[in-house]
Amino acid sequence: MPKVVDIEQRRQELAEAAAQLIARAGVGAATMRDVAAEAGWTTGALTHYFADKRELLLYTFKSSLAGRYVARGRRRDLTPEESLLESLEGALPLDDARRRHWMVTIAFCAQAAGDDELSEAQRTAYQAFRREIARLASQCGGGPGPDDAVALAERLIAVADGIAMQALFDPEGWPAERQLERLHETIAPILHPPA
């Protein structure tokens, strides 16, 4: 009897191998051949699941985002303030998984510069994150009304992204504690407005 292959599981394994390569050595290291080797496969086997590097990169980016969406679902029992804080903390490279997500995102941005489909995937991801942060901010005790929530979300994401970029390229200068401290300083007036 032939072995049943779970195609989606195989694609996920390959995306994980690509993400590890990208995080370790950049998008240039994520050739079809090197991804196959990282996963312990042959290049020929890899091409059964992805036609080319572009398709693999898009899938890897979407897979990385899916991990973030799963984390979002676990926040349903939190207050809006707790959920907002955890959502923004989730955008920081505080551990290996989040650092890998950031490296995939940066690599994806570079590839998306001249590609409409890849650009759309990136734009859609940021718009969804902005909507979620705006929704949570508007629900916080001292948060803005819905009209001002989008502008606040943009500022909060810009702060988180700025912290993340510095932490990615200066990990010794920006350990997890410092990243969280700077984020909390920024968000404290929203979560605990002065009386």
N, C-alpha and C. Protein backbone atom coordinates (compact mmCIF):
# COMPACT_ATOMS: atom_id res chain seq x y z
N MET A 1 0.84 -1.18 0.00
CA MET A 1 0.00 0.00 0.00
C MET A 1 0.89 1.25 0.00
N PRO A 2 0.63 2.23 -0.88
CA PRO A 2 1.47 3.43 -0.94
C PRO A 2 1.33 4.28 0.32
N LYS A 3 2.42 4.94 0.66
CA LYS A 3 2.44 5.80 1.83
C LYS A 3 1.64 7.08 1.53
N VAL A 4 0.76 7.48 2.46
CA VAL A 4 -0.03 8.68 2.31
C VAL A 4 0.82 9.87 2.78
N VAL A 5 0.92 10.87 1.92
CA VAL A 5 1.73 12.05 2.23
C VAL A 5 0.81 13.22 2.53
N ASP A 6 1.05 13.87 3.64
CA ASP A 6 0.30 15.07 4.01
C ASP A 6 1.02 16.25 3.35
N ILE A 7 0.48 16.71 2.24
CA ILE A 7 1.12 17.76 1.45
C ILE A 7 1.31 19.04 2.26
N GLU A 8 0.29 19.43 3.00
CA GLU A 8 0.40 20.67 3.77
C GLU A 8 1.46 20.55 4.86
N GLN A 9 1.56 19.38 5.47
CA GLN A 9 2.60 19.18 6.49
C GLN A 9 3.98 19.27 5.86
N ARG A 10 4.16 18.70 4.69
CA ARG A 10 5.45 18.77 3.98
C ARG A 10 5.79 20.22 3.63
N ARG A 11 4.81 20.96 3.13
CA ARG A 11 5.05 22.36 2.79
C ARG A 11 5.43 23.16 4.04
N GLN A 12 4.78 22.83 5.14
CA GLN A 12 5.09 23.52 6.41
C GLN A 12 6.52 23.21 6.85
N GLU A 13 6.94 21.96 6.73
CA GLU A 13 8.30 21.58 7.09
C GLU A 13 9.32 22.34 6.24
N LEU A 14 9.04 22.46 4.97
CA LEU A 14 9.93 23.18 4.07
C LEU A 14 9.95 24.67 4.38
N ALA A 15 8.81 25.22 4.72
CA ALA A 15 8.75 26.63 5.10
C ALA A 15 9.55 26.87 6.37
N GLU A 16 9.47 25.96 7.30
CA GLU A 16 10.25 26.08 8.54
C GLU A 16 11.75 26.05 8.24
N ALA A 17 12.15 25.16 7.34
CA ALA A 17 13.57 25.10 6.95
C ALA A 17 13.98 26.41 6.28
N ALA A 18 13.13 26.95 5.42
CA ALA A 18 13.43 28.23 4.76
C ALA A 18 13.54 29.34 5.79
N ALA A 19 12.62 29.37 6.75
CA ALA A 19 12.65 30.42 7.79
C ALA A 19 13.93 30.33 8.61
N GLN A 20 14.36 29.13 8.93
CA GLN A 20 15.60 28.97 9.70
C GLN A 20 16.80 29.48 8.90
N LEU A 21 16.84 29.15 7.62
CA LEU A 21 17.94 29.63 6.78
C LEU A 21 17.93 31.15 6.68
N ILE A 22 16.76 31.71 6.44
CA ILE A 22 16.65 33.17 6.30
C ILE A 22 17.09 33.85 7.60
N ALA A 23 16.64 33.34 8.74
CA ALA A 23 16.99 33.94 10.02
C ALA A 23 18.49 33.84 10.29
N ARG A 24 19.08 32.77 9.83
CA ARG A 24 20.50 32.53 10.09
C ARG A 24 21.41 33.27 9.11
N ALA A 25 21.00 33.31 7.83
CA ALA A 25 21.94 33.82 6.82
C ALA A 25 21.32 34.72 5.77
N GLY A 26 20.06 35.10 5.93
CA GLY A 26 19.43 36.00 4.98
C GLY A 26 18.73 35.27 3.84
N VAL A 27 17.99 36.04 3.07
CA VAL A 27 17.18 35.46 2.00
C VAL A 27 18.03 34.82 0.91
N GLY A 28 19.24 35.32 0.72
CA GLY A 28 20.12 34.74 -0.29
C GLY A 28 20.47 33.29 0.00
N ALA A 29 20.45 32.93 1.28
CA ALA A 29 20.76 31.56 1.68
C ALA A 29 19.60 30.61 1.42
N ALA A 30 18.43 31.17 1.18
CA ALA A 30 17.24 30.33 1.01
C ALA A 30 17.04 29.93 -0.44
N THR A 31 18.08 29.37 -1.05
CA THR A 31 17.92 28.84 -2.40
C THR A 31 17.12 27.54 -2.30
N MET A 32 16.56 27.13 -3.40
CA MET A 32 15.80 25.87 -3.39
C MET A 32 16.71 24.72 -2.93
N ARG A 33 17.91 24.72 -3.40
CA ARG A 33 18.85 23.65 -3.05
C ARG A 33 19.17 23.67 -1.55
N ASP A 34 19.45 24.87 -1.02
CA ASP A 34 19.82 24.97 0.39
C ASP A 34 18.64 24.70 1.32
N VAL A 35 17.45 25.12 0.91
CA VAL A 35 16.26 24.80 1.73
C VAL A 35 16.04 23.30 1.76
N ALA A 36 16.17 22.66 0.60
CA ALA A 36 16.01 21.21 0.54
C ALA A 36 17.02 20.54 1.47
N ALA A 37 18.27 20.98 1.41
CA ALA A 37 19.31 20.39 2.26
C ALA A 37 19.01 20.63 3.74
N GLU A 38 18.55 21.83 4.07
CA GLU A 38 18.21 22.16 5.47
C GLU A 38 17.12 21.23 5.99
N ALA A 39 16.18 20.89 5.11
CA ALA A 39 15.07 20.01 5.50
C ALA A 39 15.43 18.53 5.39
N GLY A 40 16.62 18.25 4.83
CA GLY A 40 17.03 16.86 4.67
C GLY A 40 16.42 16.21 3.44
N TRP A 41 16.11 17.00 2.44
CA TRP A 41 15.49 16.52 1.22
C TRP A 41 16.39 16.79 0.02
N THR A 42 15.99 16.26 -1.11
CA THR A 42 16.66 16.60 -2.36
C THR A 42 15.92 17.78 -2.99
N THR A 43 16.61 18.50 -3.86
CA THR A 43 15.97 19.63 -4.55
C THR A 43 14.78 19.14 -5.37
N GLY A 44 14.92 17.98 -5.98
CA GLY A 44 13.83 17.43 -6.77
C GLY A 44 12.58 17.19 -5.94
N ALA A 45 12.76 16.70 -4.72
CA ALA A 45 11.61 16.48 -3.84
C ALA A 45 10.96 17.82 -3.48
N LEU A 46 11.77 18.83 -3.24
CA LEU A 46 11.25 20.16 -2.88
C LEU A 46 10.37 20.72 -4.00
N THR A 47 10.79 20.53 -5.24
CA THR A 47 10.03 21.10 -6.36
C THR A 47 8.68 20.44 -6.57
N HIS A 48 8.41 19.34 -5.88
CA HIS A 48 7.06 18.76 -5.92
C HIS A 48 6.08 19.61 -5.11
N TYR A 49 6.61 20.41 -4.20
CA TYR A 49 5.77 21.21 -3.30
C TYR A 49 5.79 22.70 -3.60
N PHE A 50 6.88 23.17 -4.19
CA PHE A 50 7.00 24.59 -4.54
C PHE A 50 7.64 24.69 -5.92
N ALA A 51 7.01 25.45 -6.80
CA ALA A 51 7.51 25.57 -8.17
C ALA A 51 8.82 26.35 -8.23
N ASP A 52 8.97 27.34 -7.34
CA ASP A 52 10.17 28.18 -7.38
C ASP A 52 10.37 28.86 -6.03
N LYS A 53 11.45 29.61 -5.94
CA LYS A 53 11.80 30.28 -4.68
C LYS A 53 10.73 31.30 -4.28
N ARG A 54 10.19 32.00 -5.23
CA ARG A 54 9.17 33.01 -4.94
C ARG A 54 7.97 32.38 -4.25
N GLU A 55 7.50 31.27 -4.78
CA GLU A 55 6.36 30.58 -4.17
C GLU A 55 6.71 30.09 -2.77
N LEU A 56 7.91 29.57 -2.60
CA LEU A 56 8.36 29.12 -1.29
C LEU A 56 8.44 30.28 -0.30
N LEU A 57 8.98 31.40 -0.76
CA LEU A 57 9.10 32.57 0.11
C LEU A 57 7.73 33.10 0.53
N LEU A 58 6.80 33.18 -0.40
CA LEU A 58 5.44 33.64 -0.07
C LEU A 58 4.80 32.70 0.95
N TYR A 59 4.94 31.41 0.74
CA TYR A 59 4.36 30.44 1.68
C TYR A 59 5.04 30.56 3.04
N THR A 60 6.35 30.75 3.05
CA THR A 60 7.09 30.88 4.31
C THR A 60 6.62 32.11 5.08
N PHE A 61 6.43 33.23 4.38
CA PHE A 61 5.94 34.45 5.01
C PHE A 61 4.54 34.23 5.60
N LYS A 62 3.66 33.66 4.81
CA LYS A 62 2.28 33.42 5.28
C LYS A 62 2.27 32.44 6.44
N SER A 63 3.13 31.46 6.41
CA SER A 63 3.22 30.50 7.50
C SER A 63 3.72 31.17 8.77
N SER A 64 4.68 32.06 8.63
CA SER A 64 5.19 32.80 9.77
C SER A 64 4.10 33.67 10.38
N LEU A 65 3.32 34.32 9.52
CA LEU A 65 2.19 35.13 10.00
C LEU A 65 1.15 34.28 10.70
N ALA A 66 0.90 33.08 10.19
CA ALA A 66 -0.09 32.20 10.80
C ALA A 66 0.25 31.91 12.25
N GLY A 67 1.53 31.78 12.54
CA GLY A 67 1.94 31.58 13.93
C GLY A 67 1.57 32.76 14.82
N ARG A 68 1.64 33.95 14.25
CA ARG A 68 1.25 35.14 15.01
C ARG A 68 -0.25 35.17 15.23
N TYR A 69 -1.02 34.73 14.23
CA TYR A 69 -2.48 34.73 14.36
C TYR A 69 -2.94 33.73 15.42
N VAL A 70 -2.23 32.61 15.53
CA VAL A 70 -2.55 31.63 16.57
C VAL A 70 -2.37 32.26 17.94
N ALA A 71 -1.28 33.00 18.11
CA ALA A 71 -1.03 33.67 19.39
C ALA A 71 -2.15 34.67 19.69
N ARG A 72 -2.65 35.35 18.67
CA ARG A 72 -3.74 36.31 18.85
C ARG A 72 -4.99 35.62 19.40
N GLY A 73 -5.27 34.43 18.91
CA GLY A 73 -6.45 33.69 19.36
C GLY A 73 -6.39 33.30 20.83
N ARG A 74 -5.18 33.15 21.36
CA ARG A 74 -5.03 32.79 22.77
C ARG A 74 -5.29 33.97 23.70
N ARG A 75 -5.47 35.16 23.15
CA ARG A 75 -5.67 36.35 23.97
C ARG A 75 -7.14 36.67 24.23
N ARG A 76 -8.02 35.83 23.81
CA ARG A 76 -9.46 36.12 23.88
C ARG A 76 -9.97 36.32 25.31
N ASP A 77 -9.32 35.71 26.29
CA ASP A 77 -9.78 35.83 27.67
C ASP A 77 -9.13 36.98 28.44
N LEU A 78 -8.32 37.76 27.76
CA LEU A 78 -7.64 38.88 28.41
C LEU A 78 -8.46 40.15 28.30
N THR A 79 -8.16 41.10 29.16
CA THR A 79 -8.79 42.42 29.03
C THR A 79 -8.22 43.09 27.79
N PRO A 80 -8.89 44.11 27.28
CA PRO A 80 -8.32 44.82 26.11
C PRO A 80 -6.92 45.38 26.39
N GLU A 81 -6.70 45.87 27.60
CA GLU A 81 -5.38 46.41 27.95
C GLU A 81 -4.31 45.32 27.90
N GLU A 82 -4.63 44.16 28.50
CA GLU A 82 -3.68 43.04 28.50
C GLU A 82 -3.45 42.53 27.07
N SER A 83 -4.50 42.46 26.31
CA SER A 83 -4.39 41.97 24.94
C SER A 83 -3.59 42.93 24.07
N LEU A 84 -3.80 44.23 24.24
CA LEU A 84 -3.04 45.23 23.50
C LEU A 84 -1.55 45.10 23.82
N LEU A 85 -1.24 45.01 25.09
CA LEU A 85 0.15 44.89 25.50
C LEU A 85 0.78 43.61 24.95
N GLU A 86 0.09 42.49 25.06
CA GLU A 86 0.63 41.23 24.55
C GLU A 86 0.77 41.25 23.03
N SER A 87 -0.16 41.90 22.35
CA SER A 87 -0.07 41.99 20.89
C SER A 87 1.18 42.76 20.47
N LEU A 88 1.44 43.87 21.14
CA LEU A 88 2.62 44.66 20.82
C LEU A 88 3.90 43.96 21.25
N GLU A 89 3.87 43.29 22.40
CA GLU A 89 5.02 42.50 22.83
C GLU A 89 5.30 41.39 21.82
N GLY A 90 4.23 40.82 21.25
CA GLY A 90 4.38 39.77 20.25
C GLY A 90 5.09 40.24 19.00
N ALA A 91 5.12 41.56 18.78
CA ALA A 91 5.80 42.12 17.61
C ALA A 91 7.28 42.37 17.86
N LEU A 92 7.75 42.08 19.06
CA LEU A 92 9.17 42.28 19.38
C LEU A 92 9.93 40.96 19.26
N PRO A 93 11.20 41.01 18.86
CA PRO A 93 12.00 39.79 18.75
C PRO A 93 12.55 39.35 20.12
N LEU A 94 11.65 38.96 21.01
CA LEU A 94 12.02 38.63 22.38
C LEU A 94 12.57 37.21 22.52
N ASP A 95 12.33 36.36 21.54
CA ASP A 95 12.81 34.98 21.60
C ASP A 95 13.15 34.52 20.18
N ASP A 96 13.64 33.31 20.06
CA ASP A 96 14.08 32.81 18.75
C ASP A 96 12.95 32.76 17.73
N ALA A 97 11.75 32.36 18.14
CA ALA A 97 10.64 32.26 17.18
C ALA A 97 10.25 33.64 16.64
N ARG A 98 10.17 34.62 17.51
CA ARG A 98 9.80 35.97 17.06
C ARG A 98 10.94 36.63 16.27
N ARG A 99 12.16 36.32 16.63
CA ARG A 99 13.30 36.84 15.86
C ARG A 99 13.27 36.24 14.46
N ARG A 100 12.99 34.95 14.37
CA ARG A 100 12.90 34.29 13.06
C ARG A 100 11.78 34.91 12.23
N HIS A 101 10.64 35.20 12.87
CA HIS A 101 9.54 35.83 12.15
C HIS A 101 9.99 37.17 11.58
N TRP A 102 10.70 37.95 12.39
CA TRP A 102 11.17 39.25 11.92
C TRP A 102 12.14 39.11 10.75
N MET A 103 13.05 38.16 10.82
CA MET A 103 14.02 37.98 9.74
C MET A 103 13.31 37.56 8.46
N VAL A 104 12.29 36.72 8.57
CA VAL A 104 11.50 36.33 7.40
C VAL A 104 10.77 37.56 6.85
N THR A 105 10.20 38.36 7.73
CA THR A 105 9.48 39.55 7.30
C THR A 105 10.39 40.53 6.57
N ILE A 106 11.57 40.76 7.11
CA ILE A 106 12.52 41.68 6.46
C ILE A 106 12.93 41.14 5.09
N ALA A 107 13.23 39.87 5.03
CA ALA A 107 13.61 39.25 3.76
C ALA A 107 12.48 39.35 2.76
N PHE A 108 11.27 39.13 3.24
CA PHE A 108 10.11 39.18 2.39
C PHE A 108 9.90 40.60 1.85
N CYS A 109 10.11 41.59 2.69
CA CYS A 109 9.98 42.99 2.25
C CYS A 109 10.93 43.29 1.10
N ALA A 110 12.15 42.82 1.22
CA ALA A 110 13.14 43.06 0.15
C ALA A 110 12.69 42.40 -1.15
N GLN A 111 12.17 41.20 -1.06
CA GLN A 111 11.71 40.50 -2.25
C GLN A 111 10.44 41.14 -2.82
N ALA A 112 9.63 41.72 -1.96
CA ALA A 112 8.34 42.28 -2.37
C ALA A 112 8.47 43.62 -3.08
N ALA A 113 9.63 44.25 -3.00
CA ALA A 113 9.79 45.60 -3.54
C ALA A 113 9.34 45.72 -4.99
N GLY A 114 9.62 44.76 -5.82
CA GLY A 114 9.22 44.86 -7.22
C GLY A 114 8.19 43.84 -7.64
N ASP A 115 7.45 43.31 -6.70
CA ASP A 115 6.51 42.22 -7.00
C ASP A 115 5.14 42.57 -6.40
N ASP A 116 4.16 42.81 -7.25
CA ASP A 116 2.84 43.24 -6.78
C ASP A 116 2.17 42.23 -5.84
N GLU A 117 2.27 40.95 -6.14
CA GLU A 117 1.62 39.94 -5.29
C GLU A 117 2.27 39.87 -3.92
N LEU A 118 3.59 39.89 -3.89
CA LEU A 118 4.29 39.86 -2.61
C LEU A 118 4.04 41.14 -1.82
N SER A 119 4.01 42.27 -2.52
CA SER A 119 3.71 43.56 -1.86
C SER A 119 2.32 43.54 -1.25
N GLU A 120 1.37 42.98 -1.97
CA GLU A 120 0.00 42.90 -1.46
C GLU A 120 -0.07 42.04 -0.20
N ALA A 121 0.65 40.94 -0.17
CA ALA A 121 0.66 40.08 1.02
C ALA A 121 1.22 40.83 2.22
N GLN A 122 2.29 41.59 2.00
CA GLN A 122 2.88 42.38 3.09
C GLN A 122 1.92 43.47 3.55
N ARG A 123 1.33 44.18 2.60
CA ARG A 123 0.39 45.27 2.92
C ARG A 123 -0.81 44.72 3.69
N THR A 124 -1.35 43.61 3.25
CA THR A 124 -2.51 43.00 3.91
C THR A 124 -2.18 42.62 5.34
N ALA A 125 -1.00 42.07 5.56
CA ALA A 125 -0.59 41.67 6.91
C ALA A 125 -0.50 42.89 7.83
N TYR A 126 0.12 43.97 7.35
CA TYR A 126 0.23 45.17 8.18
C TYR A 126 -1.13 45.81 8.43
N GLN A 127 -1.99 45.83 7.44
CA GLN A 127 -3.32 46.41 7.62
C GLN A 127 -4.11 45.63 8.67
N ALA A 128 -4.00 44.30 8.64
CA ALA A 128 -4.70 43.48 9.63
C ALA A 128 -4.16 43.74 11.03
N PHE A 129 -2.84 43.88 11.16
CA PHE A 129 -2.24 44.16 12.46
C PHE A 129 -2.68 45.54 12.95
N ARG A 130 -2.69 46.52 12.07
CA ARG A 130 -3.11 47.88 12.44
C ARG A 130 -4.57 47.87 12.90
N ARG A 131 -5.43 47.17 12.19
CA ARG A 131 -6.85 47.09 12.59
C ARG A 131 -6.99 46.46 13.98
N GLU A 132 -6.23 45.40 14.23
CA GLU A 132 -6.31 44.73 15.53
C GLU A 132 -5.82 45.64 16.65
N ILE A 133 -4.71 46.32 16.45
CA ILE A 133 -4.19 47.23 17.48
C ILE A 133 -5.16 48.39 17.69
N ALA A 134 -5.73 48.92 16.62
CA ALA A 134 -6.70 50.02 16.74
C ALA A 134 -7.94 49.56 17.50
N ARG A 135 -8.41 48.37 17.20
CA ARG A 135 -9.59 47.83 17.89
C ARG A 135 -9.32 47.70 19.39
N LEU A 136 -8.18 47.14 19.72
CA LEU A 136 -7.84 46.97 21.14
C LEU A 136 -7.63 48.31 21.83
N ALA A 137 -6.93 49.23 21.18
CA ALA A 137 -6.68 50.54 21.78
C ALA A 137 -7.98 51.27 22.06
N SER A 138 -8.94 51.17 21.15
CA SER A 138 -10.21 51.87 21.35
C SER A 138 -11.02 51.28 22.49
N GLN A 139 -10.73 50.03 22.86
CA GLN A 139 -11.46 49.37 23.95
C GLN A 139 -10.83 49.59 25.32
N CYS A 140 -9.61 50.14 25.34
CA CYS A 140 -8.92 50.36 26.61
C CYS A 140 -9.60 51.48 27.38
N GLY A 141 -9.47 51.43 28.70
CA GLY A 141 -10.13 52.39 29.58
C GLY A 141 -9.91 53.84 29.20
N GLY A 142 -8.70 54.25 28.96
CA GLY A 142 -8.42 55.63 28.59
C GLY A 142 -8.11 55.78 27.13
N GLY A 143 -8.45 54.76 26.36
CA GLY A 143 -8.10 54.75 24.94
C GLY A 143 -8.91 55.74 24.13
N PRO A 144 -8.48 55.96 22.92
CA PRO A 144 -9.15 56.94 22.05
C PRO A 144 -10.46 56.38 21.51
N GLY A 145 -11.24 57.25 20.95
CA GLY A 145 -12.42 56.80 20.23
C GLY A 145 -12.00 56.14 18.93
N PRO A 146 -12.94 55.51 18.26
CA PRO A 146 -12.60 54.79 17.03
C PRO A 146 -11.91 55.65 15.97
N ASP A 147 -12.26 56.94 15.90
CA ASP A 147 -11.66 57.79 14.88
C ASP A 147 -10.17 58.01 15.10
N ASP A 148 -9.76 58.11 16.36
CA ASP A 148 -8.35 58.34 16.68
C ASP A 148 -7.58 57.04 16.89
N ALA A 149 -8.27 55.92 16.96
CA ALA A 149 -7.62 54.65 17.28
C ALA A 149 -6.66 54.21 16.19
N VAL A 150 -6.97 54.47 14.93
CA VAL A 150 -6.08 54.07 13.84
C VAL A 150 -4.77 54.84 13.92
N ALA A 151 -4.85 56.15 14.16
CA ALA A 151 -3.63 56.96 14.28
C ALA A 151 -2.79 56.48 15.46
N LEU A 152 -3.43 56.16 16.57
CA LEU A 152 -2.71 55.64 17.73
C LEU A 152 -2.07 54.29 17.39
N ALA A 153 -2.81 53.44 16.72
CA ALA A 153 -2.27 52.13 16.33
C ALA A 153 -1.03 52.30 15.46
N GLU A 154 -1.08 53.24 14.55
CA GLU A 154 0.08 53.48 13.68
C GLU A 154 1.29 53.91 14.50
N ARG A 155 1.07 54.76 15.49
CA ARG A 155 2.19 55.20 16.33
C ARG A 155 2.74 54.05 17.17
N LEU A 156 1.85 53.25 17.74
CA LEU A 156 2.29 52.13 18.57
C LEU A 156 3.06 51.09 17.75
N ILE A 157 2.58 50.81 16.56
CA ILE A 157 3.28 49.85 15.70
C ILE A 157 4.63 50.42 15.29
N ALA A 158 4.68 51.72 15.01
CA ALA A 158 5.96 52.33 14.65
C ALA A 158 6.97 52.20 15.80
N VAL A 159 6.51 52.37 17.03
CA VAL A 159 7.39 52.21 18.19
C VAL A 159 7.86 50.76 18.28
N ALA A 160 6.92 49.82 18.20
CA ALA A 160 7.29 48.40 18.29
C ALA A 160 8.24 48.01 17.16
N ASP A 161 7.96 48.47 15.95
CA ASP A 161 8.85 48.16 14.82
C ASP A 161 10.24 48.77 15.03
N GLY A 162 10.29 49.99 15.54
CA GLY A 162 11.59 50.63 15.78
C GLY A 162 12.40 49.90 16.83
N ILE A 163 11.74 49.50 17.89
CA ILE A 163 12.42 48.71 18.93
C ILE A 163 12.91 47.40 18.33
N ALA A 164 12.04 46.75 17.55
CA ALA A 164 12.39 45.46 16.96
C ALA A 164 13.60 45.57 16.04
N MET A 165 13.64 46.60 15.20
CA MET A 165 14.76 46.75 14.27
C MET A 165 16.07 46.95 15.03
N GLN A 166 16.05 47.76 16.07
CA GLN A 166 17.26 47.96 16.85
C GLN A 166 17.68 46.67 17.54
N ALA A 167 16.72 45.94 18.08
CA ALA A 167 17.02 44.69 18.78
C ALA A 167 17.55 43.62 17.84
N LEU A 168 17.06 43.60 16.61
CA LEU A 168 17.53 42.60 15.65
C LEU A 168 19.00 42.78 15.33
N PHE A 169 19.41 44.03 15.18
CA PHE A 169 20.77 44.29 14.74
C PHE A 169 21.73 44.68 15.86
N ASP A 170 21.20 44.82 17.07
CA ASP A 170 22.04 45.08 18.24
C ASP A 170 21.46 44.29 19.41
N PRO A 171 21.48 42.96 19.32
CA PRO A 171 20.84 42.15 20.36
C PRO A 171 21.46 42.31 21.74
N GLU A 172 22.76 42.58 21.80
CA GLU A 172 23.38 42.78 23.11
C GLU A 172 22.94 44.09 23.73
N GLY A 173 22.76 45.12 22.91
CA GLY A 173 22.32 46.41 23.42
C GLY A 173 20.82 46.47 23.68
N TRP A 174 20.09 45.55 23.07
CA TRP A 174 18.63 45.54 23.21
C TRP A 174 18.14 44.16 23.65
N PRO A 175 18.51 43.72 24.86
CA PRO A 175 17.97 42.44 25.34
C PRO A 175 16.46 42.56 25.56
N ALA A 176 15.82 41.44 25.78
CA ALA A 176 14.36 41.41 25.94
C ALA A 176 13.88 42.40 27.00
N GLU A 177 14.61 42.51 28.10
CA GLU A 177 14.17 43.40 29.19
C GLU A 177 14.11 44.85 28.72
N ARG A 178 15.11 45.27 27.95
CA ARG A 178 15.14 46.66 27.47
C ARG A 178 14.03 46.89 26.45
N GLN A 179 13.80 45.92 25.57
CA GLN A 179 12.73 46.05 24.59
C GLN A 179 11.39 46.24 25.30
N LEU A 180 11.13 45.41 26.28
CA LEU A 180 9.86 45.50 27.02
C LEU A 180 9.75 46.81 27.79
N GLU A 181 10.85 47.23 28.39
CA GLU A 181 10.85 48.48 29.15
C GLU A 181 10.46 49.66 28.25
N ARG A 182 11.07 49.75 27.09
CA ARG A 182 10.78 50.86 26.18
C ARG A 182 9.35 50.79 25.66
N LEU A 183 8.89 49.61 25.35
CA LEU A 183 7.50 49.47 24.89
C LEU A 183 6.53 49.87 25.99
N HIS A 184 6.76 49.40 27.20
CA HIS A 184 5.86 49.69 28.31
C HIS A 184 5.84 51.18 28.64
N GLU A 185 6.98 51.85 28.51
CA GLU A 185 7.02 53.30 28.73
C GLU A 185 6.10 54.02 27.74
N THR A 186 6.07 53.53 26.54
CA THR A 186 5.26 54.17 25.50
C THR A 186 3.78 53.90 25.69
N ILE A 187 3.46 52.71 26.08
CA ILE A 187 2.05 52.32 26.14
C ILE A 187 1.41 52.62 27.49
N ALA A 188 2.21 52.86 28.53
CA ALA A 188 1.67 53.08 29.88
C ALA A 188 0.61 54.18 29.94
N PRO A 189 0.81 55.34 29.28
CA PRO A 189 -0.21 56.39 29.36
C PRO A 189 -1.56 55.95 28.76
N ILE A 190 -1.55 55.00 27.84
CA ILE A 190 -2.79 54.51 27.26
C ILE A 190 -3.47 53.54 28.19
N LEU A 191 -2.68 52.66 28.78
CA LEU A 191 -3.25 51.65 29.66
C LEU A 191 -3.64 52.22 31.02
N HIS A 192 -2.90 53.22 31.45
CA HIS A 192 -3.15 53.82 32.78
C HIS A 192 -3.15 55.34 32.65
N PRO A 193 -4.20 55.92 32.06
CA PRO A 193 -4.22 57.37 31.86
C PRO A 193 -4.25 58.11 33.20
N PRO A 194 -3.64 59.29 33.23
CA PRO A 194 -3.67 60.07 34.47
C PRO A 194 -5.11 60.46 34.81
N ALA A 195 -5.37 60.53 36.09
CA ALA A 195 -6.73 60.84 36.55
C ALA A 195 -7.07 62.29 36.29
